[in-house]
PDB file of N, CA and C in Angstrom:
ATOM      1  N   UNK A   1     -27.585  36.418  70.839  1.00  0.00           N
ATOM      2  CA  UNK A   1     -28.295  36.235  69.594  1.00  0.00           C
ATOM      3  C   UNK A   1     -28.973  37.540  69.211  1.00  0.00           C
ATOM      4  N   UNK A   2     -28.808  37.963  67.967  1.00  0.00           N
ATOM      5  CA  UNK A   2     -29.389  39.201  67.493  1.00  0.00           C
ATOM      6  C   UNK A   2     -30.749  38.941  66.869  1.00  0.00           C
ATOM      7  N   UNK A   3     -31.726  39.712  67.290  1.00  0.00           N
ATOM      8  CA  UNK A   3     -33.061  39.639  66.697  1.00  0.00           C
ATOM      9  C   UNK A   3     -33.157  40.744  65.654  1.00  0.00           C
ATOM     10  N   UNK A   4     -33.656  40.414  64.484  1.00  0.00           N
ATOM     11  CA  UNK A   4     -33.813  41.386  63.424  1.00  0.00           C
ATOM     12  C   UNK A   4     -35.294  41.549  63.120  1.00  0.00           C
ATOM     13  N   UNK A   5     -35.692  42.785  62.926  1.00  0.00           N
ATOM     14  CA  UNK A   5     -37.087  43.089  62.631  1.00  0.00           C
ATOM     15  C   UNK A   5     -37.125  43.955  61.381  1.00  0.00           C
ATOM     16  N   UNK A   6     -38.015  43.637  60.455  1.00  0.00           N
ATOM     17  CA  UNK A   6     -38.182  44.427  59.242  1.00  0.00           C
ATOM     18  C   UNK A   6     -39.576  45.030  59.259  1.00  0.00           C
ATOM     19  N   UNK A   7     -39.631  46.351  59.122  1.00  0.00           N
ATOM     20  CA  UNK A   7     -40.907  47.049  59.076  1.00  0.00           C
ATOM     21  C   UNK A   7     -41.028  47.763  57.736  1.00  0.00           C
ATOM     22  N   UNK A   8     -42.219  47.711  57.154  1.00  0.00           N
ATOM     23  CA  UNK A   8     -42.485  48.378  55.884  1.00  0.00           C
ATOM     24  C   UNK A   8     -43.656  49.327  56.099  1.00  0.00           C
ATOM     25  N   UNK A   9     -43.473  50.569  55.668  1.00  0.00           N
ATOM     26  CA  UNK A   9     -44.530  51.559  55.844  1.00  0.00           C
ATOM     27  C   UNK A   9     -44.685  52.347  54.551  1.00  0.00           C
ATOM     28  N   UNK A  10     -45.918  52.424  54.050  1.00  0.00           N
ATOM     29  CA  UNK A  10     -46.161  53.237  52.854  1.00  0.00           C
ATOM     30  C   UNK A  10     -46.091  54.701  53.269  1.00  0.00           C
ATOM     31  N   UNK A  11     -45.252  55.461  52.589  1.00  0.00           N
ATOM     32  CA  UNK A  11     -45.043  56.857  52.927  1.00  0.00           C
ATOM     33  C   UNK A  11     -45.965  57.756  52.101  1.00  0.00           C
ATOM     34  N   UNK A  12     -45.995  57.518  50.789  1.00  0.00           N
ATOM     35  CA  UNK A  12     -46.820  58.375  49.936  1.00  0.00           C
ATOM     36  C   UNK A  12     -47.090  57.711  48.595  1.00  0.00           C
ATOM     37  N   UNK A  13     -48.139  58.213  47.946  1.00  0.00           N
ATOM     38  CA  UNK A  13     -48.433  57.814  46.579  1.00  0.00           C
ATOM     39  C   UNK A  13     -47.960  58.936  45.674  1.00  0.00           C
ATOM     40  N   UNK A  14     -47.297  58.568  44.588  1.00  0.00           N
ATOM     41  CA  UNK A  14     -46.773  59.548  43.649  1.00  0.00           C
ATOM     42  C   UNK A  14     -47.507  59.434  42.321  1.00  0.00           C
ATOM     43  N   UNK A  15     -47.132  60.290  41.387  1.00  0.00           N
ATOM     44  CA  UNK A  15     -47.741  60.253  40.057  1.00  0.00           C
ATOM     45  C   UNK A  15     -47.416  58.937  39.357  1.00  0.00           C
ATOM     46  N   UNK A  16     -48.193  58.595  38.336  1.00  0.00           N
ATOM     47  CA  UNK A  16     -47.971  57.412  37.503  1.00  0.00           C
ATOM     48  C   UNK A  16     -47.998  56.111  38.294  1.00  0.00           C
ATOM     49  N   UNK A  17     -48.850  56.020  39.298  1.00  0.00           N
ATOM     50  CA  UNK A  17     -49.046  54.798  40.087  1.00  0.00           C
ATOM     51  C   UNK A  17     -47.781  54.355  40.823  1.00  0.00           C
ATOM     52  N   UNK A  18     -46.963  55.293  41.209  1.00  0.00           N
ATOM     53  CA  UNK A  18     -45.744  54.961  41.947  1.00  0.00           C
ATOM     54  C   UNK A  18     -46.010  55.144  43.438  1.00  0.00           C
ATOM     55  N   UNK A  19     -45.501  54.204  44.241  1.00  0.00           N
ATOM     56  CA  UNK A  19     -45.637  54.258  45.691  1.00  0.00           C
ATOM     57  C   UNK A  19     -44.262  54.344  46.320  1.00  0.00           C
ATOM     58  N   UNK A  20     -44.147  55.128  47.385  1.00  0.00           N
ATOM     59  CA  UNK A  20     -42.899  55.242  48.124  1.00  0.00           C
ATOM     60  C   UNK A  20     -43.092  54.603  49.486  1.00  0.00           C
ATOM     61  N   UNK A  21     -42.209  53.666  49.804  1.00  0.00           N
ATOM     62  CA  UNK A  21     -42.246  52.964  51.083  1.00  0.00           C
ATOM     63  C   UNK A  21     -40.974  53.265  51.865  1.00  0.00           C
ATOM     64  N   UNK A  22     -41.069  53.139  53.168  1.00  0.00           N
ATOM     65  CA  UNK A  22     -39.907  53.209  54.036  1.00  0.00           C
ATOM     66  C   UNK A  22     -39.672  51.806  54.575  1.00  0.00           C
ATOM     67  N   UNK A  23     -38.460  51.291  54.402  1.00  0.00           N
ATOM     68  CA  UNK A  23     -38.096  49.970  54.918  1.00  0.00           C
ATOM     69  C   UNK A  23     -37.126  50.186  56.071  1.00  0.00           C
ATOM     70  N   UNK A  24     -37.476  49.682  57.241  1.00  0.00           N
ATOM     71  CA  UNK A  24     -36.637  49.825  58.430  1.00  0.00           C
ATOM     72  C   UNK A  24     -36.238  48.436  58.904  1.00  0.00           C
ATOM     73  N   UNK A  25     -34.924  48.216  58.986  1.00  0.00           N
ATOM     74  CA  UNK A  25     -34.372  46.955  59.482  1.00  0.00           C
ATOM     75  C   UNK A  25     -33.713  47.259  60.818  1.00  0.00           C
ATOM     76  N   UNK A  26     -34.227  46.641  61.873  1.00  0.00           N
ATOM     77  CA  UNK A  26     -33.732  46.906  63.227  1.00  0.00           C
ATOM     78  C   UNK A  26     -33.092  45.670  63.813  1.00  0.00           C
ATOM     79  N   UNK A  27     -31.955  45.873  64.472  1.00  0.00           N
ATOM     80  CA  UNK A  27     -31.302  44.825  65.244  1.00  0.00           C
ATOM     81  C   UNK A  27     -31.432  45.157  66.710  1.00  0.00           C
ATOM     82  N   UNK A  28     -30.647  44.494  67.540  1.00  0.00           N
ATOM     83  CA  UNK A  28     -30.699  44.753  68.975  1.00  0.00           C
ATOM     84  C   UNK A  28     -30.236  46.162  69.329  1.00  0.00           C
ATOM     85  N   UNK A  29     -29.247  46.686  68.605  1.00  0.00           N
ATOM     86  CA  UNK A  29     -28.690  47.980  68.979  1.00  0.00           C
ATOM     87  C   UNK A  29     -28.749  49.027  67.873  1.00  0.00           C
ATOM     88  N   UNK A  30     -28.859  48.634  66.622  1.00  0.00           N
ATOM     89  CA  UNK A  30     -28.821  49.578  65.508  1.00  0.00           C
ATOM     90  C   UNK A  30     -29.991  49.356  64.567  1.00  0.00           C
ATOM     91  N   UNK A  31     -30.179  50.317  63.672  1.00  0.00           N
ATOM     92  CA  UNK A  31     -31.182  50.153  62.624  1.00  0.00           C
ATOM     93  C   UNK A  31     -30.735  50.891  61.370  1.00  0.00           C
ATOM     94  N   UNK A  32     -31.299  50.463  60.253  1.00  0.00           N
ATOM     95  CA  UNK A  32     -31.109  51.135  58.975  1.00  0.00           C
ATOM     96  C   UNK A  32     -32.490  51.381  58.398  1.00  0.00           C
ATOM     97  N   UNK A  33     -32.649  52.518  57.759  1.00  0.00           N
ATOM     98  CA  UNK A  33     -33.930  52.836  57.142  1.00  0.00           C
ATOM     99  C   UNK A  33     -33.653  53.446  55.777  1.00  0.00           C
ATOM    100  N   UNK A  34     -34.377  52.982  54.775  1.00  0.00           N
ATOM    101  CA  UNK A  34     -34.173  53.542  53.453  1.00  0.00           C
ATOM    102  C   UNK A  34     -35.473  53.511  52.662  1.00  0.00           C
ATOM    103  N   UNK A  35     -35.611  54.443  51.704  1.00  0.00           N
ATOM    104  CA  UNK A  35     -36.821  54.503  50.895  1.00  0.00           C
ATOM    105  C   UNK A  35     -36.750  53.547  49.709  1.00  0.00           C
ATOM    106  N   UNK A  36     -37.906  53.019  49.336  1.00  0.00           N
ATOM    107  CA  UNK A  36     -38.024  52.170  48.154  1.00  0.00           C
ATOM    108  C   UNK A  36     -39.256  52.630  47.386  1.00  0.00           C
ATOM    109  N   UNK A  37     -39.074  52.959  46.113  1.00  0.00           N
ATOM    110  CA  UNK A  37     -40.194  53.360  45.259  1.00  0.00           C
ATOM    111  C   UNK A  37     -40.500  52.226  44.291  1.00  0.00           C
ATOM    112  N   UNK A  38     -41.784  51.906  44.157  1.00  0.00           N
ATOM    113  CA  UNK A  38     -42.217  50.854  43.239  1.00  0.00           C
ATOM    114  C   UNK A  38     -43.451  51.334  42.484  1.00  0.00           C
ATOM    115  N   UNK A  39     -43.783  50.625  41.419  1.00  0.00           N
ATOM    116  CA  UNK A  39     -45.068  50.836  40.764  1.00  0.00           C
ATOM    117  C   UNK A  39     -46.117  50.048  41.530  1.00  0.00           C
ATOM    118  N   UNK A  40     -47.305  50.596  41.658  1.00  0.00           N
ATOM    119  CA  UNK A  40     -48.397  49.933  42.375  1.00  0.00           C
ATOM    120  C   UNK A  40     -48.677  48.581  41.728  1.00  0.00           C
ATOM    121  N   UNK A  41     -48.656  47.529  42.530  1.00  0.00           N
ATOM    122  CA  UNK A  41     -48.864  46.166  42.042  1.00  0.00           C
ATOM    123  C   UNK A  41     -50.324  45.727  42.101  1.00  0.00           C
ATOM    124  N   UNK A  42     -51.200  46.576  42.654  1.00  0.00           N
ATOM    125  CA  UNK A  42     -52.630  46.268  42.656  1.00  0.00           C
ATOM    126  C   UNK A  42     -53.185  45.808  43.986  1.00  0.00           C
ATOM    127  N   UNK A  43     -52.339  45.365  44.900  1.00  0.00           N
ATOM    128  CA  UNK A  43     -52.823  44.963  46.229  1.00  0.00           C
ATOM    129  C   UNK A  43     -51.731  45.252  47.259  1.00  0.00           C
ATOM    130  N   UNK A  44     -52.140  45.366  48.512  1.00  0.00           N
ATOM    131  CA  UNK A  44     -51.181  45.643  49.570  1.00  0.00           C
ATOM    132  C   UNK A  44     -50.146  44.523  49.678  1.00  0.00           C
ATOM    133  N   UNK A  45     -50.598  43.271  49.614  1.00  0.00           N
ATOM    134  CA  UNK A  45     -49.672  42.136  49.727  1.00  0.00           C
ATOM    135  C   UNK A  45     -48.667  42.125  48.577  1.00  0.00           C
ATOM    136  N   UNK A  46     -49.138  42.374  47.359  1.00  0.00           N
ATOM    137  CA  UNK A  46     -48.237  42.392  46.200  1.00  0.00           C
ATOM    138  C   UNK A  46     -47.258  43.569  46.292  1.00  0.00           C
ATOM    139  N   UNK A  47     -47.732  44.706  46.790  1.00  0.00           N
ATOM    140  CA  UNK A  47     -46.845  45.861  46.961  1.00  0.00           C
ATOM    141  C   UNK A  47     -45.757  45.555  47.978  1.00  0.00           C
ATOM    142  N   UNK A  48     -46.121  44.950  49.107  1.00  0.00           N
ATOM    143  CA  UNK A  48     -45.138  44.610  50.130  1.00  0.00           C
ATOM    144  C   UNK A  48     -44.127  43.584  49.608  1.00  0.00           C
ATOM    145  N   UNK A  49     -44.580  42.634  48.815  1.00  0.00           N
ATOM    146  CA  UNK A  49     -43.674  41.652  48.220  1.00  0.00           C
ATOM    147  C   UNK A  49     -42.681  42.346  47.288  1.00  0.00           C
ATOM    148  N   UNK A  50     -43.168  43.280  46.479  1.00  0.00           N
ATOM    149  CA  UNK A  50     -42.285  44.018  45.563  1.00  0.00           C
ATOM    150  C   UNK A  50     -41.272  44.858  46.334  1.00  0.00           C
ATOM    151  N   UNK A  51     -41.700  45.477  47.440  1.00  0.00           N
ATOM    152  CA  UNK A  51     -40.796  46.283  48.252  1.00  0.00           C
ATOM    153  C   UNK A  51     -39.730  45.393  48.890  1.00  0.00           C
ATOM    154  N   UNK A  52     -40.134  44.245  49.436  1.00  0.00           N
ATOM    155  CA  UNK A  52     -39.161  43.327  50.038  1.00  0.00           C
ATOM    156  C   UNK A  52     -38.178  42.796  49.001  1.00  0.00           C
ATOM    157  N   UNK A  53     -38.656  42.492  47.799  1.00  0.00           N
ATOM    158  CA  UNK A  53     -37.761  42.022  46.737  1.00  0.00           C
ATOM    159  C   UNK A  53     -36.747  43.110  46.375  1.00  0.00           C
ATOM    160  N   UNK A  54     -37.199  44.359  46.316  1.00  0.00           N
ATOM    161  CA  UNK A  54     -36.279  45.467  46.035  1.00  0.00           C
ATOM    162  C   UNK A  54     -35.268  45.649  47.156  1.00  0.00           C
ATOM    163  N   UNK A  55     -35.729  45.541  48.394  1.00  0.00           N
ATOM    164  CA  UNK A  55     -34.834  45.678  49.546  1.00  0.00           C
ATOM    165  C   UNK A  55     -33.814  44.545  49.569  1.00  0.00           C
ATOM    166  N   UNK A  56     -34.244  43.325  49.241  1.00  0.00           N
ATOM    167  CA  UNK A  56     -33.336  42.186  49.199  1.00  0.00           C
ATOM    168  C   UNK A  56     -32.279  42.370  48.106  1.00  0.00           C
ATOM    169  N   UNK A  57     -32.699  42.827  46.939  1.00  0.00           N
ATOM    170  CA  UNK A  57     -31.740  43.071  45.847  1.00  0.00           C
ATOM    171  C   UNK A  57     -30.712  44.122  46.258  1.00  0.00           C
ATOM    172  N   UNK A  58     -31.170  45.164  46.956  1.00  0.00           N
ATOM    173  CA  UNK A  58     -30.261  46.195  47.442  1.00  0.00           C
ATOM    174  C   UNK A  58     -29.272  45.601  48.445  1.00  0.00           C
ATOM    175  N   UNK A  59     -29.763  44.795  49.375  1.00  0.00           N
ATOM    176  CA  UNK A  59     -28.894  44.184  50.387  1.00  0.00           C
ATOM    177  C   UNK A  59     -27.865  43.257  49.750  1.00  0.00           C
ATOM    178  N   UNK A  60     -28.275  42.508  48.739  1.00  0.00           N
ATOM    179  CA  UNK A  60     -27.340  41.610  48.055  1.00  0.00           C
ATOM    180  C   UNK A  60     -26.269  42.400  47.306  1.00  0.00           C
ATOM    181  N   UNK A  61     -26.649  43.508  46.672  1.00  0.00           N
ATOM    182  CA  UNK A  61     -25.669  44.348  45.977  1.00  0.00           C
ATOM    183  C   UNK A  61     -24.709  44.990  46.974  1.00  0.00           C
ATOM    184  N   UNK A  62     -25.235  45.405  48.125  1.00  0.00           N
ATOM    185  CA  UNK A  62     -24.389  45.988  49.167  1.00  0.00           C
ATOM    186  C   UNK A  62     -23.406  44.959  49.712  1.00  0.00           C
ATOM    187  N   UNK A  63     -23.872  43.736  49.909  1.00  0.00           N
ATOM    188  CA  UNK A  63     -22.984  42.662  50.376  1.00  0.00           C
ATOM    189  C   UNK A  63     -21.866  42.403  49.368  1.00  0.00           C
ATOM    190  N   UNK A  64     -22.224  42.330  48.088  1.00  0.00           N
ATOM    191  CA  UNK A  64     -21.214  42.071  47.052  1.00  0.00           C
ATOM    192  C   UNK A  64     -20.181  43.198  47.007  1.00  0.00           C
ATOM    193  N   UNK A  65     -20.643  44.445  47.130  1.00  0.00           N
ATOM    194  CA  UNK A  65     -19.718  45.579  47.114  1.00  0.00           C
ATOM    195  C   UNK A  65     -18.795  45.545  48.332  1.00  0.00           C
ATOM    196  N   UNK A  66     -19.344  45.194  49.494  1.00  0.00           N
ATOM    197  CA  UNK A  66     -18.530  45.119  50.710  1.00  0.00           C
ATOM    198  C   UNK A  66     -17.493  44.008  50.594  1.00  0.00           C
ATOM    199  N   UNK A  67     -17.890  42.860  50.039  1.00  0.00           N
ATOM    200  CA  UNK A  67     -16.938  41.756  49.865  1.00  0.00           C
ATOM    201  C   UNK A  67     -15.810  42.148  48.911  1.00  0.00           C
ATOM    202  N   UNK A  68     -16.137  42.863  47.834  1.00  0.00           N
ATOM    203  CA  UNK A  68     -15.107  43.341  46.911  1.00  0.00           C
ATOM    204  C   UNK A  68     -14.171  44.318  47.612  1.00  0.00           C
ATOM    205  N   UNK A  69     -14.733  45.196  48.400  1.00  0.00           N
ATOM    206  CA  UNK A  69     -13.918  46.180  49.127  1.00  0.00           C
ATOM    207  C   UNK A  69     -13.014  45.499  50.137  1.00  0.00           C
ATOM    208  N   UNK A  70     -13.540  44.516  50.856  1.00  0.00           N
ATOM    209  CA  UNK A  70     -12.719  43.766  51.831  1.00  0.00           C
ATOM    210  C   UNK A  70     -11.610  43.028  51.099  1.00  0.00           C
ATOM    211  N   UNK A  71     -11.950  42.420  49.977  1.00  0.00           N
ATOM    212  CA  UNK A  71     -10.944  41.713  49.177  1.00  0.00           C
ATOM    213  C   UNK A  71      -9.874  42.643  48.662  1.00  0.00           C
ATOM    214  N   UNK A  72     -10.257  43.836  48.215  1.00  0.00           N
ATOM    215  CA  UNK A  72      -9.291  44.808  47.714  1.00  0.00           C
ATOM    216  C   UNK A  72      -8.384  45.290  48.849  1.00  0.00           C
ATOM    217  N   UNK A  73      -8.929  45.435  50.042  1.00  0.00           N
ATOM    218  CA  UNK A  73      -8.142  45.848  51.188  1.00  0.00           C
ATOM    219  C   UNK A  73      -7.143  44.799  51.629  1.00  0.00           C
ATOM    220  N   UNK A  74      -7.483  43.537  51.412  1.00  0.00           N
ATOM    221  CA  UNK A  74      -6.596  42.441  51.805  1.00  0.00           C
ATOM    222  C   UNK A  74      -5.378  42.372  50.894  1.00  0.00           C
ATOM    223  N   UNK A  75      -5.494  42.928  49.684  1.00  0.00           N
ATOM    224  CA  UNK A  75      -4.390  42.882  48.725  1.00  0.00           C
ATOM    225  C   UNK A  75      -3.356  43.981  48.961  1.00  0.00           C
ATOM    226  N   UNK A  76      -3.677  44.940  49.797  1.00  0.00           N
ATOM    227  CA  UNK A  76      -2.763  46.070  50.027  1.00  0.00           C
ATOM    228  C   UNK A  76      -1.568  45.670  50.835  1.00  0.00           C
TER     229      UNK A  76
END
């Protein structure tokens, strides 16, 4: 069974109330880390929710692209 851990860390504050976070998703043997920039939502909890929503949208788009690629490969 694979255990997955998601860590969110605020990296920096940018101009115009923009925040840059690092999202790290770790499994038993591998990890992925990517930056997510959002507008400040006014609280730490709201900022983390916005970052997770952005990360989820990215993961869903990546899944859809991978499924299309697998489907295209099956047609060859």
